[in-house]
PDB file of all heavy atoms in Angstrom:
ATOM      1  N   ASN A   1       6.190   4.085  29.467  1.00  0.00           N
ATOM      2  CA  ASN A   1       6.634   2.847  30.106  1.00  0.00           C
ATOM      3  C   ASN A   1       7.071   1.752  29.134  1.00  0.00           C
ATOM      4  O   ASN A   1       7.811   0.849  29.527  1.00  0.00           O
ATOM      5  CB  ASN A   1       5.515   2.286  30.991  1.00  0.00           C
ATOM      6  CG  ASN A   1       5.201   3.197  32.155  1.00  0.00           C
ATOM      7  OD1 ASN A   1       6.104   3.674  32.840  1.00  0.00           O
ATOM      8  ND2 ASN A   1       3.925   3.456  32.388  1.00  0.00           N
ATOM      9  N   LEU A   2       6.606   1.817  27.876  1.00  0.00           N
ATOM     10  CA  LEU A   2       6.886   0.738  26.932  1.00  0.00           C
ATOM     11  C   LEU A   2       7.624   1.236  25.700  1.00  0.00           C
ATOM     12  O   LEU A   2       7.480   2.395  25.299  1.00  0.00           O
ATOM     13  CB  LEU A   2       5.576   0.072  26.491  1.00  0.00           C
ATOM     14  CG  LEU A   2       4.712  -0.583  27.573  1.00  0.00           C
ATOM     15  CD1 LEU A   2       3.425  -1.117  26.957  1.00  0.00           C
ATOM     16  CD2 LEU A   2       5.469  -1.693  28.288  1.00  0.00           C
ATOM     17  N   ALA A   3       8.390   0.338  25.094  1.00  0.00           N
ATOM     18  CA  ALA A   3       9.093   0.660  23.850  1.00  0.00           C
ATOM     19  C   ALA A   3       9.286  -0.620  23.044  1.00  0.00           C
ATOM     20  O   ALA A   3       9.280  -1.729  23.597  1.00  0.00           O
ATOM     21  CB  ALA A   3      10.444   1.310  24.139  1.00  0.00           C
ATOM     22  N   TYR A   4       9.440  -0.441  21.734  1.00  0.00           N
ATOM     23  CA  TYR A   4       9.708  -1.559  20.835  1.00  0.00           C
ATOM     24  C   TYR A   4      10.917  -1.202  19.997  1.00  0.00           C
ATOM     25  O   TYR A   4      11.060  -0.067  19.544  1.00  0.00           O
ATOM     26  CB  TYR A   4       8.506  -1.822  19.917  1.00  0.00           C
ATOM     27  CG  TYR A   4       8.779  -2.867  18.851  1.00  0.00           C
ATOM     28  CD1 TYR A   4       8.667  -4.221  19.124  1.00  0.00           C
ATOM     29  CD2 TYR A   4       9.171  -2.487  17.559  1.00  0.00           C
ATOM     30  CE1 TYR A   4       8.932  -5.185  18.157  1.00  0.00           C
ATOM     31  CE2 TYR A   4       9.440  -3.440  16.579  1.00  0.00           C
ATOM     32  CZ  TYR A   4       9.317  -4.783  16.885  1.00  0.00           C
ATOM     33  OH  TYR A   4       9.593  -5.733  15.923  1.00  0.00           O
ATOM     34  N   VAL A   5      11.811  -2.178  19.798  1.00  0.00           N
ATOM     35  CA  VAL A   5      13.033  -1.913  19.046  1.00  0.00           C
ATOM     36  C   VAL A   5      13.347  -3.076  18.110  1.00  0.00           C
ATOM     37  O   VAL A   5      13.086  -4.239  18.432  1.00  0.00           O
ATOM     38  CB  VAL A   5      14.220  -1.674  20.001  1.00  0.00           C
ATOM     39  CG1 VAL A   5      14.527  -2.922  20.821  1.00  0.00           C
ATOM     40  CG2 VAL A   5      15.458  -1.221  19.241  1.00  0.00           C
ATOM     41  N   ILE A   6      13.878  -2.749  16.941  1.00  0.00           N
ATOM     42  CA  ILE A   6      14.435  -3.747  16.037  1.00  0.00           C
ATOM     43  C   ILE A   6      15.910  -3.883  16.421  1.00  0.00           C
ATOM     44  O   ILE A   6      16.668  -2.914  16.297  1.00  0.00           O
ATOM     45  CB  ILE A   6      14.311  -3.305  14.563  1.00  0.00           C
ATOM     46  CG1 ILE A   6      12.834  -3.116  14.200  1.00  0.00           C
ATOM     47  CG2 ILE A   6      14.963  -4.331  13.637  1.00  0.00           C
ATOM     48  CD1 ILE A   6      12.608  -2.505  12.822  1.00  0.00           C
ATOM     49  N   PRO A   7      16.342  -5.023  16.915  1.00  0.00           N
ATOM     50  CA  PRO A   7      17.723  -5.169  17.395  1.00  0.00           C
ATOM     51  C   PRO A   7      18.758  -4.857  16.316  1.00  0.00           C
ATOM     52  O   PRO A   7      18.562  -5.161  15.137  1.00  0.00           O
ATOM     53  CB  PRO A   7      17.795  -6.644  17.817  1.00  0.00           C
ATOM     54  CG  PRO A   7      16.382  -7.007  18.115  1.00  0.00           C
ATOM     55  CD  PRO A   7      15.562  -6.248  17.117  1.00  0.00           C
ATOM     56  N   GLU A   8      19.860  -4.264  16.717  1.00  0.00           N
ATOM     57  CA  GLU A   8      20.860  -3.803  15.764  1.00  0.00           C
ATOM     58  C   GLU A   8      21.552  -4.947  15.027  1.00  0.00           C
ATOM     59  O   GLU A   8      22.091  -4.755  13.932  1.00  0.00           O
ATOM     60  CB  GLU A   8      21.894  -2.931  16.473  1.00  0.00           C
ATOM     61  CG  GLU A   8      22.646  -3.608  17.589  1.00  0.00           C
ATOM     62  CD  GLU A   8      23.538  -2.649  18.376  1.00  0.00           C
ATOM     63  OE1 GLU A   8      23.264  -1.432  18.365  1.00  0.00           O
ATOM     64  OE2 GLU A   8      24.496  -3.134  19.005  1.00  0.00           O
ATOM     65  N   GLU A   9      21.540  -6.155  15.611  1.00  0.00           N
ATOM     66  CA  GLU A   9      22.142  -7.294  14.905  1.00  0.00           C
ATOM     67  C   GLU A   9      21.293  -7.757  13.725  1.00  0.00           C
ATOM     68  O   GLU A   9      21.773  -8.473  12.839  1.00  0.00           O
ATOM     69  CB  GLU A   9      22.338  -8.497  15.846  1.00  0.00           C
ATOM     70  CG  GLU A   9      23.244  -8.241  17.021  1.00  0.00           C
ATOM     71  CD  GLU A   9      22.474  -7.833  18.263  1.00  0.00           C
ATOM     72  OE1 GLU A   9      21.304  -7.400  18.138  1.00  0.00           O
ATOM     73  OE2 GLU A   9      23.037  -7.962  19.367  1.00  0.00           O
ATOM     74  N   GLY A  10      20.021  -7.356  13.736  1.00  0.00           N
ATOM     75  CA  GLY A  10      19.085  -7.791  12.711  1.00  0.00           C
ATOM     76  C   GLY A  10      17.905  -8.505  13.340  1.00  0.00           C
ATOM     77  O   GLY A  10      17.882  -8.794  14.542  1.00  0.00           O
ATOM     78  N   ALA A  11      16.919  -8.799  12.523  1.00  0.00           N
ATOM     79  CA  ALA A  11      15.705  -9.448  13.030  1.00  0.00           C
ATOM     80  C   ALA A  11      14.985 -10.119  11.862  1.00  0.00           C
ATOM     81  O   ALA A  11      15.396  -9.990  10.708  1.00  0.00           O
ATOM     82  CB  ALA A  11      14.791  -8.420  13.704  1.00  0.00           C
ATOM     83  N   THR A  12      13.920 -10.808  12.173  1.00  0.00           N
ATOM     84  CA  THR A  12      13.121 -11.412  11.116  1.00  0.00           C
ATOM     85  C   THR A  12      12.035 -10.435  10.681  1.00  0.00           C
ATOM     86  O   THR A  12      11.561  -9.609  11.457  1.00  0.00           O
ATOM     87  CB  THR A  12      12.467 -12.725  11.575  1.00  0.00           C
ATOM     88  OG1 THR A  12      11.670 -12.490  12.736  1.00  0.00           O
ATOM     89  CG2 THR A  12      13.514 -13.775  11.880  1.00  0.00           C
ATOM     90  N   MET A  13      11.691 -10.553   9.418  1.00  0.00           N
ATOM     91  CA  MET A  13      10.609  -9.769   8.835  1.00  0.00           C
ATOM     92  C   MET A  13       9.540 -10.751   8.404  1.00  0.00           C
ATOM     93  O   MET A  13       9.840 -11.763   7.762  1.00  0.00           O
ATOM     94  CB  MET A  13      11.125  -8.990   7.629  1.00  0.00           C
ATOM     95  CG  MET A  13      10.062  -8.319   6.786  1.00  0.00           C
ATOM     96  SD  MET A  13      10.806  -7.532   5.323  1.00  0.00           S
ATOM     97  CE  MET A  13       9.324  -7.049   4.430  1.00  0.00           C
ATOM     98  N   TYR A  14       8.313 -10.505   8.784  1.00  0.00           N
ATOM     99  CA  TYR A  14       7.237 -11.405   8.389  1.00  0.00           C
ATOM    100  C   TYR A  14       6.325 -10.722   7.378  1.00  0.00           C
ATOM    101  O   TYR A  14       6.263  -9.502   7.278  1.00  0.00           O
ATOM    102  CB  TYR A  14       6.420 -11.867   9.596  1.00  0.00           C
ATOM    103  CG  TYR A  14       5.651 -10.765  10.299  1.00  0.00           C
ATOM    104  CD1 TYR A  14       4.399 -10.356   9.838  1.00  0.00           C
ATOM    105  CD2 TYR A  14       6.170 -10.133  11.427  1.00  0.00           C
ATOM    106  CE1 TYR A  14       3.690  -9.342  10.478  1.00  0.00           C
ATOM    107  CE2 TYR A  14       5.464  -9.115  12.073  1.00  0.00           C
ATOM    108  CZ  TYR A  14       4.238  -8.730  11.596  1.00  0.00           C
ATOM    109  OH  TYR A  14       3.548  -7.725  12.224  1.00  0.00           O
ATOM    110  N   GLN A  15       5.647 -11.521   6.614  1.00  0.00           N
ATOM    111  CA  GLN A  15       4.581 -11.024   5.741  1.00  0.00           C
ATOM    112  C   GLN A  15       3.488 -12.067   5.707  1.00  0.00           C
ATOM    113  O   GLN A  15       3.742 -13.236   5.429  1.00  0.00           O
ATOM    114  CB  GLN A  15       5.091 -10.770   4.320  1.00  0.00           C
ATOM    115  CG  GLN A  15       3.980 -10.277   3.376  1.00  0.00           C
ATOM    116  CD  GLN A  15       4.493 -10.010   1.976  1.00  0.00           C
ATOM    117  OE1 GLN A  15       5.492  -9.332   1.803  1.00  0.00           O
ATOM    118  NE2 GLN A  15       3.812 -10.550   0.968  1.00  0.00           N
ATOM    119  N   GLU A  16       2.282 -11.652   6.035  1.00  0.00           N
ATOM    120  CA  GLU A  16       1.130 -12.534   5.937  1.00  0.00           C
ATOM    121  C   GLU A  16       0.343 -12.195   4.684  1.00  0.00           C
ATOM    122  O   GLU A  16       0.167 -11.020   4.347  1.00  0.00           O
ATOM    123  CB  GLU A  16       0.212 -12.393   7.168  1.00  0.00           C
ATOM    124  CG  GLU A  16       0.519 -13.387   8.275  1.00  0.00           C
ATOM    125  CD  GLU A  16       1.773 -13.029   9.050  1.00  0.00           C
ATOM    126  OE1 GLU A  16       1.803 -12.008   9.726  1.00  0.00           O
ATOM    127  OE2 GLU A  16       2.748 -13.802   8.955  1.00  0.00           O
ATOM    128  N   ASN A  17      -0.123 -13.221   3.997  1.00  0.00           N
ATOM    129  CA  ASN A  17      -0.937 -13.051   2.802  1.00  0.00           C
ATOM    130  C   ASN A  17      -2.332 -13.616   3.039  1.00  0.00           C
ATOM    131  O   ASN A  17      -2.524 -14.485   3.892  1.00  0.00           O
ATOM    132  CB  ASN A  17      -0.275 -13.733   1.605  1.00  0.00           C
ATOM    133  CG  ASN A  17       1.014 -13.044   1.189  1.00  0.00           C
ATOM    134  OD1 ASN A  17       1.290 -11.919   1.595  1.00  0.00           O
ATOM    135  ND2 ASN A  17       1.822 -13.724   0.388  1.00  0.00           N
ATOM    136  N   MET A  18      -3.278 -13.118   2.303  1.00  0.00           N
ATOM    137  CA  MET A  18      -4.681 -13.515   2.450  1.00  0.00           C
ATOM    138  C   MET A  18      -5.000 -14.532   1.349  1.00  0.00           C
ATOM    139  O   MET A  18      -4.991 -14.200   0.167  1.00  0.00           O
ATOM    140  CB  MET A  18      -5.556 -12.265   2.315  1.00  0.00           C
ATOM    141  CG  MET A  18      -6.959 -12.404   2.864  1.00  0.00           C
ATOM    142  SD  MET A  18      -7.910 -10.841   2.676  1.00  0.00           S
ATOM    143  CE  MET A  18      -6.954  -9.719   3.713  1.00  0.00           C
ATOM    144  N   CYS A  19      -5.262 -15.772   1.739  1.00  0.00           N
ATOM    145  CA  CYS A  19      -5.455 -16.853   0.778  1.00  0.00           C
ATOM    146  C   CYS A  19      -6.813 -17.525   0.959  1.00  0.00           C
ATOM    147  O   CYS A  19      -7.323 -17.622   2.079  1.00  0.00           O
ATOM    148  CB  CYS A  19      -4.368 -17.915   0.940  1.00  0.00           C
ATOM    149  SG  CYS A  19      -2.672 -17.298   0.779  1.00  0.00           S
ATOM    150  N   VAL A  20      -7.364 -18.017  -0.141  1.00  0.00           N
ATOM    151  CA  VAL A  20      -8.626 -18.754  -0.117  1.00  0.00           C
ATOM    152  C   VAL A  20      -8.308 -20.239  -0.195  1.00  0.00           C
ATOM    153  O   VAL A  20      -7.531 -20.678  -1.045  1.00  0.00           O
ATOM    154  CB  VAL A  20      -9.534 -18.339  -1.291  1.00  0.00           C
ATOM    155  CG1 VAL A  20     -10.837 -19.142  -1.274  1.00  0.00           C
ATOM    156  CG2 VAL A  20      -9.825 -16.841  -1.243  1.00  0.00           C
ATOM    157  N   LEU A  21      -8.898 -20.998   0.705  1.00  0.00           N
ATOM    158  CA  LEU A  21      -8.672 -22.440   0.716  1.00  0.00           C
ATOM    159  C   LEU A  21      -9.384 -23.116  -0.453  1.00  0.00           C
ATOM    160  O   LEU A  21     -10.486 -22.721  -0.830  1.00  0.00           O
ATOM    161  CB  LEU A  21      -9.167 -23.042   2.032  1.00  0.00           C
ATOM    162  CG  LEU A  21      -8.308 -22.739   3.268  1.00  0.00           C
ATOM    163  CD1 LEU A  21      -9.077 -23.101   4.528  1.00  0.00           C
ATOM    164  CD2 LEU A  21      -6.988 -23.496   3.200  1.00  0.00           C
ATOM    165  N   LYS A  22      -8.758 -24.147  -0.984  1.00  0.00           N
ATOM    166  CA  LYS A  22      -9.399 -24.910  -2.053  1.00  0.00           C
ATOM    167  C   LYS A  22     -10.694 -25.555  -1.536  1.00  0.00           C
ATOM    168  O   LYS A  22     -11.642 -25.763  -2.288  1.00  0.00           O
ATOM    169  CB  LYS A  22      -8.438 -25.983  -2.579  1.00  0.00           C
ATOM    170  CG  LYS A  22      -8.910 -26.685  -3.839  1.00  0.00           C
ATOM    171  CD  LYS A  22      -7.846 -27.606  -4.391  1.00  0.00           C
ATOM    172  CE  LYS A  22      -6.731 -26.829  -5.057  1.00  0.00           C
ATOM    173  NZ  LYS A  22      -7.154 -26.207  -6.340  1.00  0.00           N
ATOM    174  N   SER A  23     -10.735 -25.834  -0.231  1.00  0.00           N
ATOM    175  CA  SER A  23     -11.918 -26.442   0.388  1.00  0.00           C
ATOM    176  C   SER A  23     -12.943 -25.416   0.848  1.00  0.00           C
ATOM    177  O   SER A  23     -13.958 -25.775   1.457  1.00  0.00           O
ATOM    178  CB  SER A  23     -11.486 -27.290   1.589  1.00  0.00           C
ATOM    179  OG  SER A  23     -10.837 -26.463   2.560  1.00  0.00           O
ATOM    180  N   ALA A  24     -12.704 -24.130   0.571  1.00  0.00           N
ATOM    181  CA  ALA A  24     -13.595 -23.058   1.054  1.00  0.00           C
ATOM    182  C   ALA A  24     -15.020 -23.266   0.555  1.00  0.00           C
ATOM    183  O   ALA A  24     -15.241 -23.445  -0.644  1.00  0.00           O
ATOM    184  CB  ALA A  24     -13.078 -21.703   0.596  1.00  0.00           C
ATOM    185  N   PRO A  25     -16.012 -23.220   1.451  1.00  0.00           N
ATOM    186  CA  PRO A  25     -17.403 -23.377   1.023  1.00  0.00           C
ATOM    187  C   PRO A  25     -17.996 -22.118   0.395  1.00  0.00           C
ATOM    188  O   PRO A  25     -19.035 -22.179  -0.245  1.00  0.00           O
ATOM    189  CB  PRO A  25     -18.130 -23.745   2.327  1.00  0.00           C
ATOM    190  CG  PRO A  25     -17.290 -23.168   3.412  1.00  0.00           C
ATOM    191  CD  PRO A  25     -15.872 -23.231   2.918  1.00  0.00           C
ATOM    192  N   HIS A  26     -17.333 -20.973   0.574  1.00  0.00           N
ATOM    193  CA  HIS A  26     -17.891 -19.711   0.073  1.00  0.00           C
ATOM    194  C   HIS A  26     -16.829 -18.948  -0.708  1.00  0.00           C
ATOM    195  O   HIS A  26     -16.429 -17.837  -0.334  1.00  0.00           O
ATOM    196  CB  HIS A  26     -18.416 -18.866   1.238  1.00  0.00           C
ATOM    197  CG  HIS A  26     -19.303 -19.623   2.179  1.00  0.00           C
ATOM    198  ND1 HIS A  26     -18.904 -19.995   3.441  1.00  0.00           N
ATOM    199  CD2 HIS A  26     -20.554 -20.113   2.014  1.00  0.00           C
ATOM    200  CE1 HIS A  26     -19.879 -20.666   4.029  1.00  0.00           C
ATOM    201  NE2 HIS A  26     -20.888 -20.756   3.183  1.00  0.00           N
ATOM    202  N   LYS A  27     -16.384 -19.512  -1.801  1.00  0.00           N
ATOM    203  CA  LYS A  27     -15.287 -18.927  -2.576  1.00  0.00           C
ATOM    204  C   LYS A  27     -15.642 -17.556  -3.150  1.00  0.00           C
ATOM    205  O   LYS A  27     -14.807 -16.645  -3.186  1.00  0.00           O
ATOM    206  CB  LYS A  27     -14.878 -19.879  -3.701  1.00  0.00           C
ATOM    207  CG  LYS A  27     -14.218 -21.177  -3.225  1.00  0.00           C
ATOM    208  CD  LYS A  27     -13.772 -22.023  -4.398  1.00  0.00           C
ATOM    209  CE  LYS A  27     -12.998 -23.258  -3.949  1.00  0.00           C
ATOM    210  NZ  LYS A  27     -13.835 -24.231  -3.254  1.00  0.00           N
ATOM    211  N   SER A  28     -16.868 -17.385  -3.610  1.00  0.00           N
ATOM    212  CA  SER A  28     -17.286 -16.106  -4.179  1.00  0.00           C
ATOM    213  C   SER A  28     -17.240 -15.009  -3.120  1.00  0.00           C
ATOM    214  O   SER A  28     -16.743 -13.905  -3.364  1.00  0.00           O
ATOM    215  CB  SER A  28     -18.694 -16.217  -4.769  1.00  0.00           C
ATOM    216  OG  SER A  28     -19.144 -14.956  -5.247  1.00  0.00           O
ATOM    217  N   ASN A  29     -17.754 -15.298  -1.937  1.00  0.00           N
ATOM    218  CA  ASN A  29     -17.730 -14.324  -0.846  1.00  0.00           C
ATOM    219  C   ASN A  29     -16.300 -14.021  -0.418  1.00  0.00           C
ATOM    220  O   ASN A  29     -15.966 -12.895  -0.045  1.00  0.00           O
ATOM    221  CB  ASN A  29     -18.529 -14.840   0.342  1.00  0.00           C
ATOM    222  CG  ASN A  29     -20.030 -14.840   0.066  1.00  0.00           C
ATOM    223  OD1 ASN A  29     -20.476 -14.274  -0.925  1.00  0.00           O
ATOM    224  ND2 ASN A  29     -20.793 -15.490   0.927  1.00  0.00           N
ATOM    225  N   ALA A  30     -15.449 -15.051  -0.469  1.00  0.00           N
ATOM    226  CA  ALA A  30     -14.049 -14.868  -0.091  1.00  0.00           C
ATOM    227  C   ALA A  30     -13.366 -13.879  -1.027  1.00  0.00           C
ATOM    228  O   ALA A  30     -12.631 -12.990  -0.588  1.00  0.00           O
ATOM    229  CB  ALA A  30     -13.332 -16.212  -0.108  1.00  0.00           C
ATOM    230  N   LYS A  31     -13.608 -14.014  -2.315  1.00  0.00           N
ATOM    231  CA  LYS A  31     -12.985 -13.086  -3.259  1.00  0.00           C
ATOM    232  C   LYS A  31     -13.528 -11.670  -3.067  1.00  0.00           C
ATOM    233  O   LYS A  31     -12.788 -10.689  -3.194  1.00  0.00           O
ATOM    234  CB  LYS A  31     -13.199 -13.536  -4.699  1.00  0.00           C
ATOM    235  CG  LYS A  31     -12.411 -12.679  -5.691  1.00  0.00           C
ATOM    236  CD  LYS A  31     -12.348 -13.263  -7.077  1.00  0.00           C
ATOM    237  CE  LYS A  31     -11.497 -12.394  -7.992  1.00  0.00           C
ATOM    238  NZ  LYS A  31     -11.392 -12.945  -9.365  1.00  0.00           N
ATOM    239  N   LYS A  32     -14.797 -11.554  -2.723  1.00  0.00           N
ATOM    240  CA  LYS A  32     -15.362 -10.229  -2.441  1.00  0.00           C
ATOM    241  C   LYS A  32     -14.618  -9.578  -1.275  1.00  0.00           C
ATOM    242  O   LYS A  32     -14.382  -8.366  -1.267  1.00  0.00           O
ATOM    243  CB  LYS A  32     -16.855 -10.345  -2.109  1.00  0.00           C
ATOM    244  CG  LYS A  32     -17.734 -10.671  -3.305  1.00  0.00           C
ATOM    245  CD  LYS A  32     -19.189 -10.818  -2.876  1.00  0.00           C
ATOM    246  CE  LYS A  32     -20.076 -11.210  -4.055  1.00  0.00           C
ATOM    247  NZ  LYS A  32     -21.479 -11.421  -3.646  1.00  0.00           N
ATOM    248  N   PHE A  33     -14.240 -10.398  -0.280  1.00  0.00           N
ATOM    249  CA  PHE A  33     -13.528  -9.844   0.874  1.00  0.00           C
ATOM    250  C   PHE A  33     -12.130  -9.391   0.471  1.00  0.00           C
ATOM    251  O   PHE A  33     -11.666  -8.325   0.888  1.00  0.00           O
ATOM    252  CB  PHE A  33     -13.438 -10.874   2.003  1.00  0.00           C
ATOM    253  CG  PHE A  33     -12.884 -10.307   3.279  1.00  0.00           C
ATOM    254  CD1 PHE A  33     -13.704  -9.595   4.147  1.00  0.00           C
ATOM    255  CD2 PHE A  33     -11.544 -10.464   3.610  1.00  0.00           C
ATOM    256  CE1 PHE A  33     -13.197  -9.056   5.319  1.00  0.00           C
ATOM    257  CE2 PHE A  33     -11.029  -9.927   4.778  1.00  0.00           C
ATOM    258  CZ  PHE A  33     -11.857  -9.218   5.640  1.00  0.00           C
ATOM    259  N   LEU A  34     -11.442 -10.178  -0.360  1.00  0.00           N
ATOM    260  CA  LEU A  34     -10.124  -9.782  -0.842  1.00  0.00           C
ATOM    261  C   LEU A  34     -10.206  -8.460  -1.601  1.00  0.00           C
ATOM    262  O   LEU A  34      -9.369  -7.566  -1.421  1.00  0.00           O
ATOM    263  CB  LEU A  34      -9.533 -10.866  -1.745  1.00  0.00           C
ATOM    264  CG  LEU A  34      -8.632 -11.920  -1.083  1.00  0.00           C
ATOM    265  CD1 LEU A  34      -9.397 -12.699  -0.009  1.00  0.00           C
ATOM    266  CD2 LEU A  34      -8.071 -12.895  -2.129  1.00  0.00           C
ATOM    267  N   GLU A  35     -11.214  -8.327  -2.429  1.00  0.00           N
ATOM    268  CA  GLU A  35     -11.384  -7.096  -3.201  1.00  0.00           C
ATOM    269  C   GLU A  35     -11.735  -5.922  -2.291  1.00  0.00           C
ATOM    270  O   GLU A  35     -11.263  -4.796  -2.499  1.00  0.00           O
ATOM    271  CB  GLU A  35     -12.451  -7.297  -4.274  1.00  0.00           C
ATOM    272  CG  GLU A  35     -12.018  -8.272  -5.359  1.00  0.00           C
ATOM    273  CD  GLU A  35     -13.109  -8.604  -6.351  1.00  0.00           C
ATOM    274  OE1 GLU A  35     -14.312  -8.501  -5.979  1.00  0.00           O
ATOM    275  OE2 GLU A  35     -12.782  -8.970  -7.487  1.00  0.00           O
ATOM    276  N   PHE A  36     -12.546  -6.179  -1.270  1.00  0.00           N
ATOM    277  CA  PHE A  36     -12.908  -5.144  -0.296  1.00  0.00           C
ATOM    278  C   PHE A  36     -11.661  -4.651   0.428  1.00  0.00           C
ATOM    279  O   PHE A  36     -11.491  -3.445   0.657  1.00  0.00           O
ATOM    280  CB  PHE A  36     -13.908  -5.729   0.707  1.00  0.00           C
ATOM    281  CG  PHE A  36     -14.338  -4.798   1.801  1.00  0.00           C
ATOM    282  CD1 PHE A  36     -15.274  -3.802   1.563  1.00  0.00           C
ATOM    283  CD2 PHE A  36     -13.813  -4.930   3.079  1.00  0.00           C
ATOM    284  CE1 PHE A  36     -15.678  -2.942   2.584  1.00  0.00           C
ATOM    285  CE2 PHE A  36     -14.218  -4.081   4.099  1.00  0.00           C
ATOM    286  CZ  PHE A  36     -15.148  -3.089   3.850  1.00  0.00           C
ATOM    287  N   PHE A  37     -10.754  -5.571   0.759  1.00  0.00           N
ATOM    288  CA  PHE A  37      -9.568  -5.192   1.526  1.00  0.00           C
ATOM    289  C   PHE A  37      -8.572  -4.408   0.696  1.00  0.00           C
ATOM    290  O   PHE A  37      -7.694  -3.741   1.252  1.00  0.00           O
ATOM    291  CB  PHE A  37      -8.894  -6.436   2.118  1.00  0.00           C
ATOM    292  CG  PHE A  37      -8.010  -6.133   3.290  1.00  0.00           C
ATOM    293  CD1 PHE A  37      -8.537  -6.106   4.574  1.00  0.00           C
ATOM    294  CD2 PHE A  37      -6.671  -5.836   3.119  1.00  0.00           C
ATOM    295  CE1 PHE A  37      -7.740  -5.797   5.661  1.00  0.00           C
ATOM    296  CE2 PHE A  37      -5.856  -5.514   4.186  1.00  0.00           C
ATOM    297  CZ  PHE A  37      -6.392  -5.497   5.467  1.00  0.00           C
ATOM    298  N   MET A  38      -8.669  -4.449  -0.618  1.00  0.00           N
ATOM    299  CA  MET A  38      -7.751  -3.683  -1.460  1.00  0.00           C
ATOM    300  C   MET A  38      -8.103  -2.194  -1.515  1.00  0.00           C
ATOM    301  O   MET A  38      -7.338  -1.397  -2.059  1.00  0.00           O
ATOM    302  CB  MET A  38      -7.700  -4.278  -2.868  1.00  0.00           C
ATOM    303  CG  MET A  38      -6.942  -5.589  -2.928  1.00  0.00           C
ATOM    304  SD  MET A  38      -6.559  -6.150  -4.607  1.00  0.00           S
ATOM    305  CE  MET A  38      -8.194  -6.529  -5.232  1.00  0.00           C
ATOM    306  N   LYS A  39      -9.251  -1.816  -0.953  1.00  0.00           N
ATOM    307  CA  LYS A  39      -9.590  -0.395  -0.892  1.00  0.00           C
ATOM    308  C   LYS A  39      -8.576   0.301   0.022  1.00  0.00           C
ATOM    309  O   LYS A  39      -8.314  -0.152   1.130  1.00  0.00           O
ATOM    310  CB  LYS A  39     -11.004  -0.205  -0.337  1.00  0.00           C
ATOM    311  CG  LYS A  39     -12.115  -0.764  -1.225  1.00  0.00           C
ATOM    312  CD  LYS A  39     -13.472  -0.496  -0.596  1.00  0.00           C
ATOM    313  CE  LYS A  39     -14.600  -0.989  -1.485  1.00  0.00           C
ATOM    314  NZ  LYS A  39     -15.935  -0.685  -0.917  1.00  0.00           N
ATOM    315  N   PRO A  40      -7.994   1.405  -0.424  1.00  0.00           N
ATOM    316  CA  PRO A  40      -6.963   2.071   0.386  1.00  0.00           C
ATOM    317  C   PRO A  40      -7.416   2.413   1.801  1.00  0.00           C
ATOM    318  O   PRO A  40      -6.654   2.228   2.759  1.00  0.00           O
ATOM    319  CB  PRO A  40      -6.661   3.348  -0.418  1.00  0.00           C
ATOM    320  CG  PRO A  40      -6.995   2.974  -1.822  1.00  0.00           C
ATOM    321  CD  PRO A  40      -8.187   2.060  -1.725  1.00  0.00           C
ATOM    322  N   GLU A  41      -8.651   2.901   1.940  1.00  0.00           N
ATOM    323  CA  GLU A  41      -9.107   3.292   3.262  1.00  0.00           C
ATOM    324  C   GLU A  41      -9.259   2.096   4.202  1.00  0.00           C
ATOM    325  O   GLU A  41      -9.089   2.210   5.416  1.00  0.00           O
ATOM    326  CB  GLU A  41     -10.437   4.058   3.175  1.00  0.00           C
ATOM    327  CG  GLU A  41     -11.628   3.258   2.651  1.00  0.00           C
ATOM    328  CD  GLU A  41     -11.768   3.280   1.140  1.00  0.00           C
ATOM    329  OE1 GLU A  41     -10.762   3.561   0.456  1.00  0.00           O
ATOM    330  OE2 GLU A  41     -12.875   3.005   0.656  1.00  0.00           O
ATOM    331  N   ILE A  42      -9.562   0.922   3.648  1.00  0.00           N
ATOM    332  CA  ILE A  42      -9.706  -0.283   4.456  1.00  0.00           C
ATOM    333  C   ILE A  42      -8.327  -0.786   4.879  1.00  0.00           C
ATOM    334  O   ILE A  42      -8.098  -1.117   6.052  1.00  0.00           O
ATOM    335  CB  ILE A  42     -10.472  -1.376   3.691  1.00  0.00           C
ATOM    336  CG1 ILE A  42     -11.889  -0.896   3.364  1.00  0.00           C
ATOM    337  CG2 ILE A  42     -10.502  -2.668   4.486  1.00  0.00           C
ATOM    338  CD1 ILE A  42     -12.728  -0.544   4.579  1.00  0.00           C
TER     339      ILE A  42
END
């Protein structure tokens, strides 16, 4: 019943990045999460 298509005229491409806020209260834990996410299986 459903389908998704990239229109032939073109479309936008997005990319989201994982960033730590300068105001982050848990910067060490945040970096641990970034490193955890770099595992291929994750």
